[in-house]
């Protein structure tokens, strides 16, 4: 690893540590310049801000995925509030006839406290999305202590509903086998790189290796989609990786409408629009909510450019 690579690895580890530190969360989340910088990645803290942003993207033919930020709740009453929030959000989306999917963290619905209550909460959201929107609800993947439980939860949900998707993380050693395991369920899979601080024996620490694993998993999914009903979503801002996937799809003679790209609001917007113009299926992921701190710190840890964006705001202030 180069000197620059070592520095970035250390910086990433510091940011991931900060994302989990309660004292840091309390202090940093109150800083004005940080709150201002967060707007690069989210249009606001409210669902109405997210809805307005989605309308702007629809003018370019780009639909959305919404996620309300928050994780690891302490009481089941909070899970009920999150469930009810998503149910009324689905009503708003249906009333406005917008093309918006939803992505949810299970720990936000009570996964740490009761798997059965989490299932009931998630079941209600998926059922409503099916009946009122006829689209998919994705399960966000969290840290490795939840990986197998989340996959098992997903399989359980798939027995009752087809409109359920799951996120898989390319930086995990296990992901290629998880894909093989899930293919029999005709899954909807969203591939991401992964953004949690994990034990060394679980993940590819080298970026190039993680990127290669992302591509290898993407290739396996593309090949598998020829014989099985699989929805393929590749969530990355890495243009080089996107081009590798497009080239592989062409080699496999898979039409661009058969797979999809997703990116976060505020990152490489021109590339997002270009992918849509070029006829690729694309959605923009719009996050909102007051509990943005851990999510935001993980976004900073993902890309050096994000760090420099914040530093520029520090010096401006």
C-alpha atoms as a PDB file:
ATOM      1  CA  UNK A   1       0.000   0.000   0.000  1.00  0.00           C
ATOM      2  CA  UNK A   2       1.305   3.475  -0.892  1.00  0.00           C
ATOM      3  CA  UNK A   3       1.851   6.244   1.610  1.00  0.00           C
ATOM      4  CA  UNK A   4      -1.272   8.021   0.323  1.00  0.00           C
ATOM      5  CA  UNK A   5      -3.195   4.754   0.625  1.00  0.00           C
ATOM      6  CA  UNK A   6      -2.015   4.305   4.215  1.00  0.00           C
ATOM      7  CA  UNK A   7      -3.080   7.832   5.116  1.00  0.00           C
ATOM      8  CA  UNK A   8      -6.531   7.292   3.589  1.00  0.00           C
ATOM      9  CA  UNK A   9      -6.897   3.946   5.367  1.00  0.00           C
ATOM     10  CA  UNK A  10      -6.086   5.596   8.700  1.00  0.00           C
ATOM     11  CA  UNK A  11      -8.448   8.472   7.930  1.00  0.00           C
ATOM     12  CA  UNK A  12     -11.214   6.026   7.028  1.00  0.00           C
ATOM     13  CA  UNK A  13     -10.748   4.115  10.274  1.00  0.00           C
ATOM     14  CA  UNK A  14     -10.888   7.328  12.286  1.00  0.00           C
ATOM     15  CA  UNK A  15     -14.103   8.401  10.554  1.00  0.00           C
ATOM     16  CA  UNK A  16     -15.701   4.990  11.076  1.00  0.00           C
ATOM     17  CA  UNK A  17     -14.721   5.136  14.756  1.00  0.00           C
ATOM     18  CA  UNK A  18     -16.262   8.594  14.977  1.00  0.00           C
ATOM     19  CA  UNK A  19     -19.483   7.280  13.408  1.00  0.00           C
ATOM     20  CA  UNK A  20     -19.940   4.946  16.393  1.00  0.00           C
ATOM     21  CA  UNK A  21     -18.782   7.329  19.144  1.00  0.00           C
ATOM     22  CA  UNK A  22     -21.667   8.784  21.156  1.00  0.00           C
ATOM     23  CA  UNK A  23     -19.705  11.786  22.461  1.00  0.00           C
ATOM     24  CA  UNK A  24     -18.567  12.690  18.945  1.00  0.00           C
ATOM     25  CA  UNK A  25     -22.130  12.334  17.708  1.00  0.00           C
ATOM     26  CA  UNK A  26     -23.415  14.725  20.354  1.00  0.00           C
ATOM     27  CA  UNK A  27     -20.762  17.375  19.684  1.00  0.00           C
ATOM     28  CA  UNK A  28     -20.143  17.190  15.943  1.00  0.00           C
ATOM     29  CA  UNK A  29     -23.789  16.952  14.898  1.00  0.00           C
ATOM     30  CA  UNK A  30     -24.411  20.367  16.483  1.00  0.00           C
ATOM     31  CA  UNK A  31     -21.672  22.187  14.542  1.00  0.00           C
ATOM     32  CA  UNK A  32     -23.095  24.602  12.014  1.00  0.00           C
ATOM     33  CA  UNK A  33     -20.587  23.955   9.246  1.00  0.00           C
ATOM     34  CA  UNK A  34     -21.135  20.180   9.567  1.00  0.00           C
ATOM     35  CA  UNK A  35     -24.901  20.575   9.293  1.00  0.00           C
ATOM     36  CA  UNK A  36     -24.314  22.735   6.244  1.00  0.00           C
ATOM     37  CA  UNK A  37     -21.965  20.171   4.685  1.00  0.00           C
ATOM     38  CA  UNK A  38     -24.509  17.381   5.234  1.00  0.00           C
ATOM     39  CA  UNK A  39     -26.747  19.055   2.656  1.00  0.00           C
ATOM     40  CA  UNK A  40     -24.379  17.792  -0.017  1.00  0.00           C
ATOM     41  CA  UNK A  41     -25.815  14.319   0.614  1.00  0.00           C
ATOM     42  CA  UNK A  42     -29.417  15.010   1.633  1.00  0.00           C
ATOM     43  CA  UNK A  43     -31.900  17.718   0.646  1.00  0.00           C
ATOM     44  CA  UNK A  44     -33.170  18.143   4.218  1.00  0.00           C
ATOM     45  CA  UNK A  45     -34.233  16.378   7.391  1.00  0.00           C
ATOM     46  CA  UNK A  46     -37.917  16.067   6.489  1.00  0.00           C
ATOM     47  CA  UNK A  47     -39.810  13.779   4.141  1.00  0.00           C
ATOM     48  CA  UNK A  48     -41.293  16.835   2.437  1.00  0.00           C
ATOM     49  CA  UNK A  49     -37.786  17.994   1.499  1.00  0.00           C
ATOM     50  CA  UNK A  50     -37.104  14.536   0.097  1.00  0.00           C
ATOM     51  CA  UNK A  51     -40.373  14.538  -1.851  1.00  0.00           C
ATOM     52  CA  UNK A  52     -39.580  17.902  -3.399  1.00  0.00           C
ATOM     53  CA  UNK A  53     -36.115  16.696  -4.405  1.00  0.00           C
ATOM     54  CA  UNK A  54     -37.616  13.583  -5.995  1.00  0.00           C
ATOM     55  CA  UNK A  55     -39.856  15.734  -8.193  1.00  0.00           C
ATOM     56  CA  UNK A  56     -36.824  17.555  -9.557  1.00  0.00           C
ATOM     57  CA  UNK A  57     -35.153  14.263 -10.512  1.00  0.00           C
ATOM     58  CA  UNK A  58     -38.336  13.028 -12.168  1.00  0.00           C
ATOM     59  CA  UNK A  59     -38.044  15.884 -14.658  1.00  0.00           C
ATOM     60  CA  UNK A  60     -34.924  14.059 -15.888  1.00  0.00           C
ATOM     61  CA  UNK A  61     -36.710  10.710 -15.905  1.00  0.00           C
ATOM     62  CA  UNK A  62     -34.970   9.572 -12.708  1.00  0.00           C
ATOM     63  CA  UNK A  63     -37.075   7.824 -10.020  1.00  0.00           C
ATOM     64  CA  UNK A  64     -35.989   7.622  -6.377  1.00  0.00           C
ATOM     65  CA  UNK A  65     -35.357   5.420  -3.374  1.00  0.00           C
ATOM     66  CA  UNK A  66     -36.125   6.935   0.046  1.00  0.00           C
ATOM     67  CA  UNK A  67     -34.598   6.033   3.384  1.00  0.00           C
ATOM     68  CA  UNK A  68     -35.339   7.666   6.723  1.00  0.00           C
ATOM     69  CA  UNK A  69     -32.070   7.772   8.628  1.00  0.00           C
ATOM     70  CA  UNK A  70     -31.832   6.025  11.967  1.00  0.00           C
ATOM     71  CA  UNK A  71     -30.646   2.712  13.429  1.00  0.00           C
ATOM     72  CA  UNK A  72     -30.275   0.695  16.650  1.00  0.00           C
ATOM     73  CA  UNK A  73     -33.300   2.032  18.494  1.00  0.00           C
ATOM     74  CA  UNK A  74     -33.633   1.482  22.251  1.00  0.00           C
ATOM     75  CA  UNK A  75     -37.387   0.906  22.652  1.00  0.00           C
ATOM     76  CA  UNK A  76     -39.995  -0.896  20.549  1.00  0.00           C
ATOM     77  CA  UNK A  77     -42.205   2.184  20.722  1.00  0.00           C
ATOM     78  CA  UNK A  78     -39.632   3.875  18.477  1.00  0.00           C
ATOM     79  CA  UNK A  79     -39.991   1.020  15.991  1.00  0.00           C
ATOM     80  CA  UNK A  80     -43.741   1.570  15.908  1.00  0.00           C
ATOM     81  CA  UNK A  81     -43.161   5.247  15.131  1.00  0.00           C
ATOM     82  CA  UNK A  82     -40.807   4.359  12.277  1.00  0.00           C
ATOM     83  CA  UNK A  83     -43.307   1.846  10.892  1.00  0.00           C
ATOM     84  CA  UNK A  84     -46.130   4.399  11.046  1.00  0.00           C
ATOM     85  CA  UNK A  85     -43.888   6.996   9.421  1.00  0.00           C
ATOM     86  CA  UNK A  86     -43.250   4.736   6.443  1.00  0.00           C
ATOM     87  CA  UNK A  87     -46.928   3.802   6.164  1.00  0.00           C
ATOM     88  CA  UNK A  88     -47.994   7.434   5.927  1.00  0.00           C
ATOM     89  CA  UNK A  89     -45.085   8.120   3.554  1.00  0.00           C
ATOM     90  CA  UNK A  90     -46.356   5.357   1.268  1.00  0.00           C
ATOM     91  CA  UNK A  91     -49.783   7.020   1.346  1.00  0.00           C
ATOM     92  CA  UNK A  92     -48.222  10.350   0.313  1.00  0.00           C
ATOM     93  CA  UNK A  93     -46.249   8.729  -2.504  1.00  0.00           C
ATOM     94  CA  UNK A  94     -49.382   6.961  -3.754  1.00  0.00           C
ATOM     95  CA  UNK A  95     -51.482  10.130  -3.593  1.00  0.00           C
ATOM     96  CA  UNK A  96     -48.900  12.046  -5.621  1.00  0.00           C
ATOM     97  CA  UNK A  97     -48.367   9.114  -8.003  1.00  0.00           C
ATOM     98  CA  UNK A  98     -44.588   9.276  -7.657  1.00  0.00           C
ATOM     99  CA  UNK A  99     -42.133   6.514  -8.561  1.00  0.00           C
ATOM    100  CA  UNK A 100     -40.390   6.093  -5.207  1.00  0.00           C
ATOM    101  CA  UNK A 101     -39.191   2.910  -3.518  1.00  0.00           C
ATOM    102  CA  UNK A 102     -38.271   2.551   0.144  1.00  0.00           C
ATOM    103  CA  UNK A 103     -35.159   1.140   1.828  1.00  0.00           C
ATOM    104  CA  UNK A 104     -35.208   0.321   5.554  1.00  0.00           C
ATOM    105  CA  UNK A 105     -32.704  -0.706   8.225  1.00  0.00           C
ATOM    106  CA  UNK A 106     -34.012  -3.584  10.348  1.00  0.00           C
ATOM    107  CA  UNK A 107     -32.441  -2.183  13.532  1.00  0.00           C
ATOM    108  CA  UNK A 108     -34.657   0.853  12.984  1.00  0.00           C
ATOM    109  CA  UNK A 109     -37.668  -1.463  13.222  1.00  0.00           C
ATOM    110  CA  UNK A 110     -36.560  -3.241  16.395  1.00  0.00           C
ATOM    111  CA  UNK A 111     -34.128  -5.939  15.216  1.00  0.00           C
ATOM    112  CA  UNK A 112     -31.990  -5.616  18.367  1.00  0.00           C
ATOM    113  CA  UNK A 113     -35.031  -5.991  20.606  1.00  0.00           C
ATOM    114  CA  UNK A 114     -37.468  -8.445  19.002  1.00  0.00           C
ATOM    115  CA  UNK A 115     -37.216 -10.176  15.665  1.00  0.00           C
ATOM    116  CA  UNK A 116     -40.929 -11.005  15.726  1.00  0.00           C
ATOM    117  CA  UNK A 117     -41.922  -7.380  16.291  1.00  0.00           C
ATOM    118  CA  UNK A 118     -39.488  -6.350  13.565  1.00  0.00           C
ATOM    119  CA  UNK A 119     -41.126  -8.814  11.201  1.00  0.00           C
ATOM    120  CA  UNK A 120     -44.596  -7.461  12.002  1.00  0.00           C
ATOM    121  CA  UNK A 121     -43.427  -3.881  11.410  1.00  0.00           C
ATOM    122  CA  UNK A 122     -41.641  -4.723   8.183  1.00  0.00           C
ATOM    123  CA  UNK A 123     -44.534  -6.910   6.994  1.00  0.00           C
ATOM    124  CA  UNK A 124     -46.920  -3.957   7.344  1.00  0.00           C
ATOM    125  CA  UNK A 125     -44.623  -1.716   5.265  1.00  0.00           C
ATOM    126  CA  UNK A 126     -44.089  -4.292   2.507  1.00  0.00           C
ATOM    127  CA  UNK A 127     -47.806  -5.111   2.332  1.00  0.00           C
ATOM    128  CA  UNK A 128     -48.708  -1.436   2.006  1.00  0.00           C
ATOM    129  CA  UNK A 129     -46.033  -0.836  -0.660  1.00  0.00           C
ATOM    130  CA  UNK A 130     -47.351  -3.798  -2.638  1.00  0.00           C
ATOM    131  CA  UNK A 131     -50.974  -2.719  -2.467  1.00  0.00           C
ATOM    132  CA  UNK A 132     -50.556   1.035  -2.942  1.00  0.00           C
ATOM    133  CA  UNK A 133     -47.341   1.407  -4.970  1.00  0.00           C
ATOM    134  CA  UNK A 134     -46.767  -2.050  -6.455  1.00  0.00           C
ATOM    135  CA  UNK A 135     -43.023  -1.663  -5.950  1.00  0.00           C
ATOM    136  CA  UNK A 136     -40.166  -3.062  -3.883  1.00  0.00           C
ATOM    137  CA  UNK A 137     -39.063  -2.396  -0.307  1.00  0.00           C
ATOM    138  CA  UNK A 138     -35.333  -2.999   0.217  1.00  0.00           C
ATOM    139  CA  UNK A 139     -33.653  -4.139   3.412  1.00  0.00           C
ATOM    140  CA  UNK A 140     -30.438  -2.224   4.055  1.00  0.00           C
ATOM    141  CA  UNK A 141     -27.529  -4.378   5.196  1.00  0.00           C
ATOM    142  CA  UNK A 142     -25.848  -3.218   8.396  1.00  0.00           C
ATOM    143  CA  UNK A 143     -22.667  -4.402  10.144  1.00  0.00           C
ATOM    144  CA  UNK A 144     -21.505  -8.026  10.067  1.00  0.00           C
ATOM    145  CA  UNK A 145     -23.143  -8.921  13.388  1.00  0.00           C
ATOM    146  CA  UNK A 146     -26.424  -8.687  11.452  1.00  0.00           C
ATOM    147  CA  UNK A 147     -25.449 -10.206   8.095  1.00  0.00           C
ATOM    148  CA  UNK A 148     -26.700 -13.760   8.497  1.00  0.00           C
ATOM    149  CA  UNK A 149     -29.745 -12.713  10.522  1.00  0.00           C
ATOM    150  CA  UNK A 150     -30.671 -10.215   7.835  1.00  0.00           C
ATOM    151  CA  UNK A 151     -30.350 -12.794   5.069  1.00  0.00           C
ATOM    152  CA  UNK A 152     -32.497 -15.251   7.045  1.00  0.00           C
ATOM    153  CA  UNK A 153     -35.046 -12.493   7.668  1.00  0.00           C
ATOM    154  CA  UNK A 154     -35.129 -11.711   3.953  1.00  0.00           C
ATOM    155  CA  UNK A 155     -35.759 -15.357   3.043  1.00  0.00           C
ATOM    156  CA  UNK A 156     -38.619 -15.445   5.513  1.00  0.00           C
ATOM    157  CA  UNK A 157     -40.177 -12.336   3.979  1.00  0.00           C
ATOM    158  CA  UNK A 158     -39.828 -13.726   0.455  1.00  0.00           C
ATOM    159  CA  UNK A 159     -42.148 -16.607   1.369  1.00  0.00           C
ATOM    160  CA  UNK A 160     -45.017 -14.113   1.627  1.00  0.00           C
ATOM    161  CA  UNK A 161     -43.979 -11.248  -0.658  1.00  0.00           C
ATOM    162  CA  UNK A 162     -42.120 -10.930  -3.934  1.00  0.00           C
ATOM    163  CA  UNK A 163     -41.633  -7.171  -3.536  1.00  0.00           C
ATOM    164  CA  UNK A 164     -38.736  -7.425  -1.085  1.00  0.00           C
ATOM    165  CA  UNK A 165     -35.089  -6.655  -1.842  1.00  0.00           C
ATOM    166  CA  UNK A 166     -31.856  -7.023   0.091  1.00  0.00           C
ATOM    167  CA  UNK A 167     -28.578  -5.117   0.110  1.00  0.00           C
ATOM    168  CA  UNK A 168     -25.296  -7.080  -0.049  1.00  0.00           C
ATOM    169  CA  UNK A 169     -21.838  -5.646   0.652  1.00  0.00           C
ATOM    170  CA  UNK A 170     -18.950  -6.292  -1.736  1.00  0.00           C
ATOM    171  CA  UNK A 171     -16.222  -5.763   0.868  1.00  0.00           C
ATOM    172  CA  UNK A 172     -17.258  -8.939   2.720  1.00  0.00           C
ATOM    173  CA  UNK A 173     -15.464 -12.198   1.937  1.00  0.00           C
ATOM    174  CA  UNK A 174     -18.746 -14.088   2.233  1.00  0.00           C
ATOM    175  CA  UNK A 175     -20.822 -12.133  -0.298  1.00  0.00           C
ATOM    176  CA  UNK A 176     -20.114 -14.291  -3.344  1.00  0.00           C
ATOM    177  CA  UNK A 177     -21.442 -17.355  -1.488  1.00  0.00           C
ATOM    178  CA  UNK A 178     -24.406 -15.361  -0.163  1.00  0.00           C
ATOM    179  CA  UNK A 179     -25.369 -14.562  -3.753  1.00  0.00           C
ATOM    180  CA  UNK A 180     -25.249 -18.256  -4.666  1.00  0.00           C
ATOM    181  CA  UNK A 181     -27.404 -19.032  -1.637  1.00  0.00           C
ATOM    182  CA  UNK A 182     -29.998 -16.376  -2.483  1.00  0.00           C
ATOM    183  CA  UNK A 183     -30.351 -17.072  -6.214  1.00  0.00           C
ATOM    184  CA  UNK A 184     -32.923 -19.799  -5.571  1.00  0.00           C
ATOM    185  CA  UNK A 185     -35.294 -17.183  -4.076  1.00  0.00           C
ATOM    186  CA  UNK A 186     -35.409 -15.101  -7.303  1.00  0.00           C
ATOM    187  CA  UNK A 187     -34.065 -12.175  -5.287  1.00  0.00           C
ATOM    188  CA  UNK A 188     -33.876  -8.437  -5.747  1.00  0.00           C
ATOM    189  CA  UNK A 189     -30.277  -7.611  -4.803  1.00  0.00           C
ATOM    190  CA  UNK A 190     -28.648  -4.228  -4.396  1.00  0.00           C
ATOM    191  CA  UNK A 191     -24.850  -4.456  -4.405  1.00  0.00           C
ATOM    192  CA  UNK A 192     -22.904  -1.837  -2.454  1.00  0.00           C
ATOM    193  CA  UNK A 193     -19.255  -1.657  -1.425  1.00  0.00           C
ATOM    194  CA  UNK A 194     -19.895  -1.500   2.331  1.00  0.00           C
ATOM    195  CA  UNK A 195     -19.153   1.225   4.853  1.00  0.00           C
ATOM    196  CA  UNK A 196     -18.847  -0.185   8.371  1.00  0.00           C
ATOM    197  CA  UNK A 197     -15.779  -0.712  10.543  1.00  0.00           C
ATOM    198  CA  UNK A 198     -15.366  -4.493  10.515  1.00  0.00           C
ATOM    199  CA  UNK A 199     -12.850  -7.098  11.767  1.00  0.00           C
ATOM    200  CA  UNK A 200      -9.971  -7.711   9.343  1.00  0.00           C
ATOM    201  CA  UNK A 201     -10.875 -11.375   8.908  1.00  0.00           C
ATOM    202  CA  UNK A 202     -14.312 -10.484   7.499  1.00  0.00           C
ATOM    203  CA  UNK A 203     -13.556  -7.911   4.813  1.00  0.00           C
ATOM    204  CA  UNK A 204     -11.292  -6.880   1.971  1.00  0.00           C
ATOM    205  CA  UNK A 205      -9.405  -3.952   3.457  1.00  0.00           C
ATOM    206  CA  UNK A 206      -7.692  -3.042   0.177  1.00  0.00           C
ATOM    207  CA  UNK A 207      -9.933  -0.879  -2.037  1.00  0.00           C
ATOM    208  CA  UNK A 208      -8.784  -2.558  -5.254  1.00  0.00           C
ATOM    209  CA  UNK A 209      -9.666  -5.985  -3.859  1.00  0.00           C
ATOM    210  CA  UNK A 210     -13.085  -4.788  -2.718  1.00  0.00           C
ATOM    211  CA  UNK A 211     -13.690  -3.269  -6.154  1.00  0.00           C
ATOM    212  CA  UNK A 212     -12.689  -6.509  -7.859  1.00  0.00           C
ATOM    213  CA  UNK A 213     -15.017  -8.471  -5.593  1.00  0.00           C
ATOM    214  CA  UNK A 214     -17.841  -6.042  -6.416  1.00  0.00           C
ATOM    215  CA  UNK A 215     -17.218  -6.648 -10.117  1.00  0.00           C
ATOM    216  CA  UNK A 216     -16.977 -10.428  -9.685  1.00  0.00           C
ATOM    217  CA  UNK A 217     -20.246 -10.483  -7.755  1.00  0.00           C
ATOM    218  CA  UNK A 218     -21.846  -8.248 -10.393  1.00  0.00           C
ATOM    219  CA  UNK A 219     -20.673 -10.573 -13.160  1.00  0.00           C
ATOM    220  CA  UNK A 220     -22.076 -13.616 -11.322  1.00  0.00           C
ATOM    221  CA  UNK A 221     -25.396 -11.837 -10.890  1.00  0.00           C
ATOM    222  CA  UNK A 222     -25.524 -10.862 -14.550  1.00  0.00           C
ATOM    223  CA  UNK A 223     -24.847 -14.436 -15.603  1.00  0.00           C
ATOM    224  CA  UNK A 224     -27.351 -15.783 -13.082  1.00  0.00           C
ATOM    225  CA  UNK A 225     -30.049 -13.403 -14.338  1.00  0.00           C
ATOM    226  CA  UNK A 226     -30.113 -15.269 -17.658  1.00  0.00           C
ATOM    227  CA  UNK A 227     -31.669 -18.309 -16.025  1.00  0.00           C
ATOM    228  CA  UNK A 228     -33.306 -16.913 -12.909  1.00  0.00           C
ATOM    229  CA  UNK A 229     -35.589 -14.000 -12.172  1.00  0.00           C
ATOM    230  CA  UNK A 230     -33.199 -11.648 -10.412  1.00  0.00           C
ATOM    231  CA  UNK A 231     -33.469  -7.874 -10.082  1.00  0.00           C
ATOM    232  CA  UNK A 232     -29.954  -6.464 -10.249  1.00  0.00           C
ATOM    233  CA  UNK A 233     -29.090  -3.130  -8.659  1.00  0.00           C
ATOM    234  CA  UNK A 234     -25.516  -1.849  -8.585  1.00  0.00           C
ATOM    235  CA  UNK A 235     -25.179   1.025  -6.113  1.00  0.00           C
ATOM    236  CA  UNK A 236     -21.831   2.707  -6.671  1.00  0.00           C
ATOM    237  CA  UNK A 237     -20.422   6.128  -7.571  1.00  0.00           C
ATOM    238  CA  UNK A 238     -17.279   4.550  -9.022  1.00  0.00           C
ATOM    239  CA  UNK A 239     -17.409   5.401 -12.726  1.00  0.00           C
ATOM    240  CA  UNK A 240     -14.657   2.921 -13.575  1.00  0.00           C
ATOM    241  CA  UNK A 241     -16.595   0.133 -11.893  1.00  0.00           C
ATOM    242  CA  UNK A 242     -19.813   1.200 -13.611  1.00  0.00           C
ATOM    243  CA  UNK A 243     -18.100   1.000 -16.996  1.00  0.00           C
ATOM    244  CA  UNK A 244     -16.699  -2.457 -16.177  1.00  0.00           C
ATOM    245  CA  UNK A 245     -20.202  -3.689 -15.349  1.00  0.00           C
ATOM    246  CA  UNK A 246     -21.652  -2.173 -18.528  1.00  0.00           C
ATOM    247  CA  UNK A 247     -18.918  -3.818 -20.615  1.00  0.00           C
ATOM    248  CA  UNK A 248     -19.531  -7.186 -18.944  1.00  0.00           C
ATOM    249  CA  UNK A 249     -23.271  -6.897 -19.567  1.00  0.00           C
ATOM    250  CA  UNK A 250     -22.557  -6.263 -23.253  1.00  0.00           C
ATOM    251  CA  UNK A 251     -20.254  -9.306 -23.364  1.00  0.00           C
ATOM    252  CA  UNK A 252     -23.038 -11.380 -21.788  1.00  0.00           C
ATOM    253  CA  UNK A 253     -25.542  -9.893 -24.250  1.00  0.00           C
ATOM    254  CA  UNK A 254     -27.691  -8.532 -21.409  1.00  0.00           C
ATOM    255  CA  UNK A 255     -29.756  -5.502 -22.345  1.00  0.00           C
ATOM    256  CA  UNK A 256     -29.255  -2.313 -20.313  1.00  0.00           C
ATOM    257  CA  UNK A 257     -32.886  -2.433 -19.175  1.00  0.00           C
ATOM    258  CA  UNK A 258     -32.202  -5.695 -17.301  1.00  0.00           C
ATOM    259  CA  UNK A 259     -30.010  -4.140 -14.625  1.00  0.00           C
ATOM    260  CA  UNK A 260     -29.964  -0.908 -12.687  1.00  0.00           C
ATOM    261  CA  UNK A 261     -27.613   1.628 -11.132  1.00  0.00           C
ATOM    262  CA  UNK A 262     -28.204   3.700  -8.010  1.00  0.00           C
ATOM    263  CA  UNK A 263     -26.317   6.612  -6.476  1.00  0.00           C
ATOM    264  CA  UNK A 264     -26.752   8.928  -3.527  1.00  0.00           C
ATOM    265  CA  UNK A 265     -28.354  12.313  -3.864  1.00  0.00           C
ATOM    266  CA  UNK A 266     -25.711  15.011  -4.412  1.00  0.00           C
ATOM    267  CA  UNK A 267     -22.897  12.796  -5.691  1.00  0.00           C
ATOM    268  CA  UNK A 268     -21.914  12.896  -9.386  1.00  0.00           C
ATOM    269  CA  UNK A 269     -25.306  14.270 -10.388  1.00  0.00           C
ATOM    270  CA  UNK A 270     -24.138  14.841 -13.979  1.00  0.00           C
ATOM    271  CA  UNK A 271     -23.195  11.154 -14.261  1.00  0.00           C
ATOM    272  CA  UNK A 272     -26.568  10.168 -12.820  1.00  0.00           C
ATOM    273  CA  UNK A 273     -28.363  12.184 -15.465  1.00  0.00           C
ATOM    274  CA  UNK A 274     -26.108  10.853 -18.220  1.00  0.00           C
ATOM    275  CA  UNK A 275     -26.853   7.240 -17.287  1.00  0.00           C
ATOM    276  CA  UNK A 276     -30.571   8.011 -17.470  1.00  0.00           C
ATOM    277  CA  UNK A 277     -30.162   9.792 -20.818  1.00  0.00           C
ATOM    278  CA  UNK A 278     -28.214   6.809 -22.162  1.00  0.00           C
ATOM    279  CA  UNK A 279     -31.137   4.533 -21.369  1.00  0.00           C
ATOM    280  CA  UNK A 280     -29.858   2.749 -18.270  1.00  0.00           C
ATOM    281  CA  UNK A 281     -32.265   2.018 -15.438  1.00  0.00           C
ATOM    282  CA  UNK A 282     -31.302   4.388 -12.652  1.00  0.00           C
ATOM    283  CA  UNK A 283     -32.593   5.549  -9.272  1.00  0.00           C
ATOM    284  CA  UNK A 284     -31.270   8.215  -6.946  1.00  0.00           C
ATOM    285  CA  UNK A 285     -31.193   7.322  -3.238  1.00  0.00           C
ATOM    286  CA  UNK A 286     -32.510  10.205  -1.157  1.00  0.00           C
ATOM    287  CA  UNK A 287     -31.875  10.047   2.587  1.00  0.00           C
ATOM    288  CA  UNK A 288     -33.531  12.312   5.148  1.00  0.00           C
ATOM    289  CA  UNK A 289     -34.150  12.516   8.884  1.00  0.00           C
ATOM    290  CA  UNK A 290     -32.618  13.948  12.025  1.00  0.00           C
ATOM    291  CA  UNK A 291     -30.477  10.879  12.830  1.00  0.00           C
ATOM    292  CA  UNK A 292     -27.983  11.567  10.063  1.00  0.00           C
ATOM    293  CA  UNK A 293     -24.692  11.614  11.999  1.00  0.00           C
ATOM    294  CA  UNK A 294     -23.489   7.949  11.764  1.00  0.00           C
ATOM    295  CA  UNK A 295     -24.700   7.664   8.175  1.00  0.00           C
ATOM    296  CA  UNK A 296     -22.913  10.877   7.215  1.00  0.00           C
ATOM    297  CA  UNK A 297     -19.615   9.877   8.831  1.00  0.00           C
ATOM    298  CA  UNK A 298     -19.694   6.600   6.893  1.00  0.00           C
ATOM    299  CA  UNK A 299     -20.266   8.553   3.676  1.00  0.00           C
ATOM    300  CA  UNK A 300     -17.165  10.620   4.448  1.00  0.00           C
ATOM    301  CA  UNK A 301     -15.175   7.445   5.055  1.00  0.00           C
ATOM    302  CA  UNK A 302     -16.119   6.059   1.637  1.00  0.00           C
ATOM    303  CA  UNK A 303     -14.424   8.633  -0.572  1.00  0.00           C
ATOM    304  CA  UNK A 304     -11.504  11.066  -0.078  1.00  0.00           C
ATOM    305  CA  UNK A 305     -13.346  13.710  -2.089  1.00  0.00           C
ATOM    306  CA  UNK A 306     -16.054  13.765   0.577  1.00  0.00           C
ATOM    307  CA  UNK A 307     -13.480  14.572   3.255  1.00  0.00           C
ATOM    308  CA  UNK A 308     -12.042  17.467   1.265  1.00  0.00           C
ATOM    309  CA  UNK A 309     -15.556  18.816   0.761  1.00  0.00           C
ATOM    310  CA  UNK A 310     -15.992  19.104   4.524  1.00  0.00           C
ATOM    311  CA  UNK A 311     -12.506  20.525   5.070  1.00  0.00           C
ATOM    312  CA  UNK A 312     -13.224  23.285   2.547  1.00  0.00           C
ATOM    313  CA  UNK A 313     -16.336  24.156   4.532  1.00  0.00           C
ATOM    314  CA  UNK A 314     -14.285  24.257   7.743  1.00  0.00           C
ATOM    315  CA  UNK A 315     -11.866  26.795   6.294  1.00  0.00           C
ATOM    316  CA  UNK A 316     -14.701  28.850   4.857  1.00  0.00           C
ATOM    317  CA  UNK A 317     -16.090  29.122   8.370  1.00  0.00           C
END
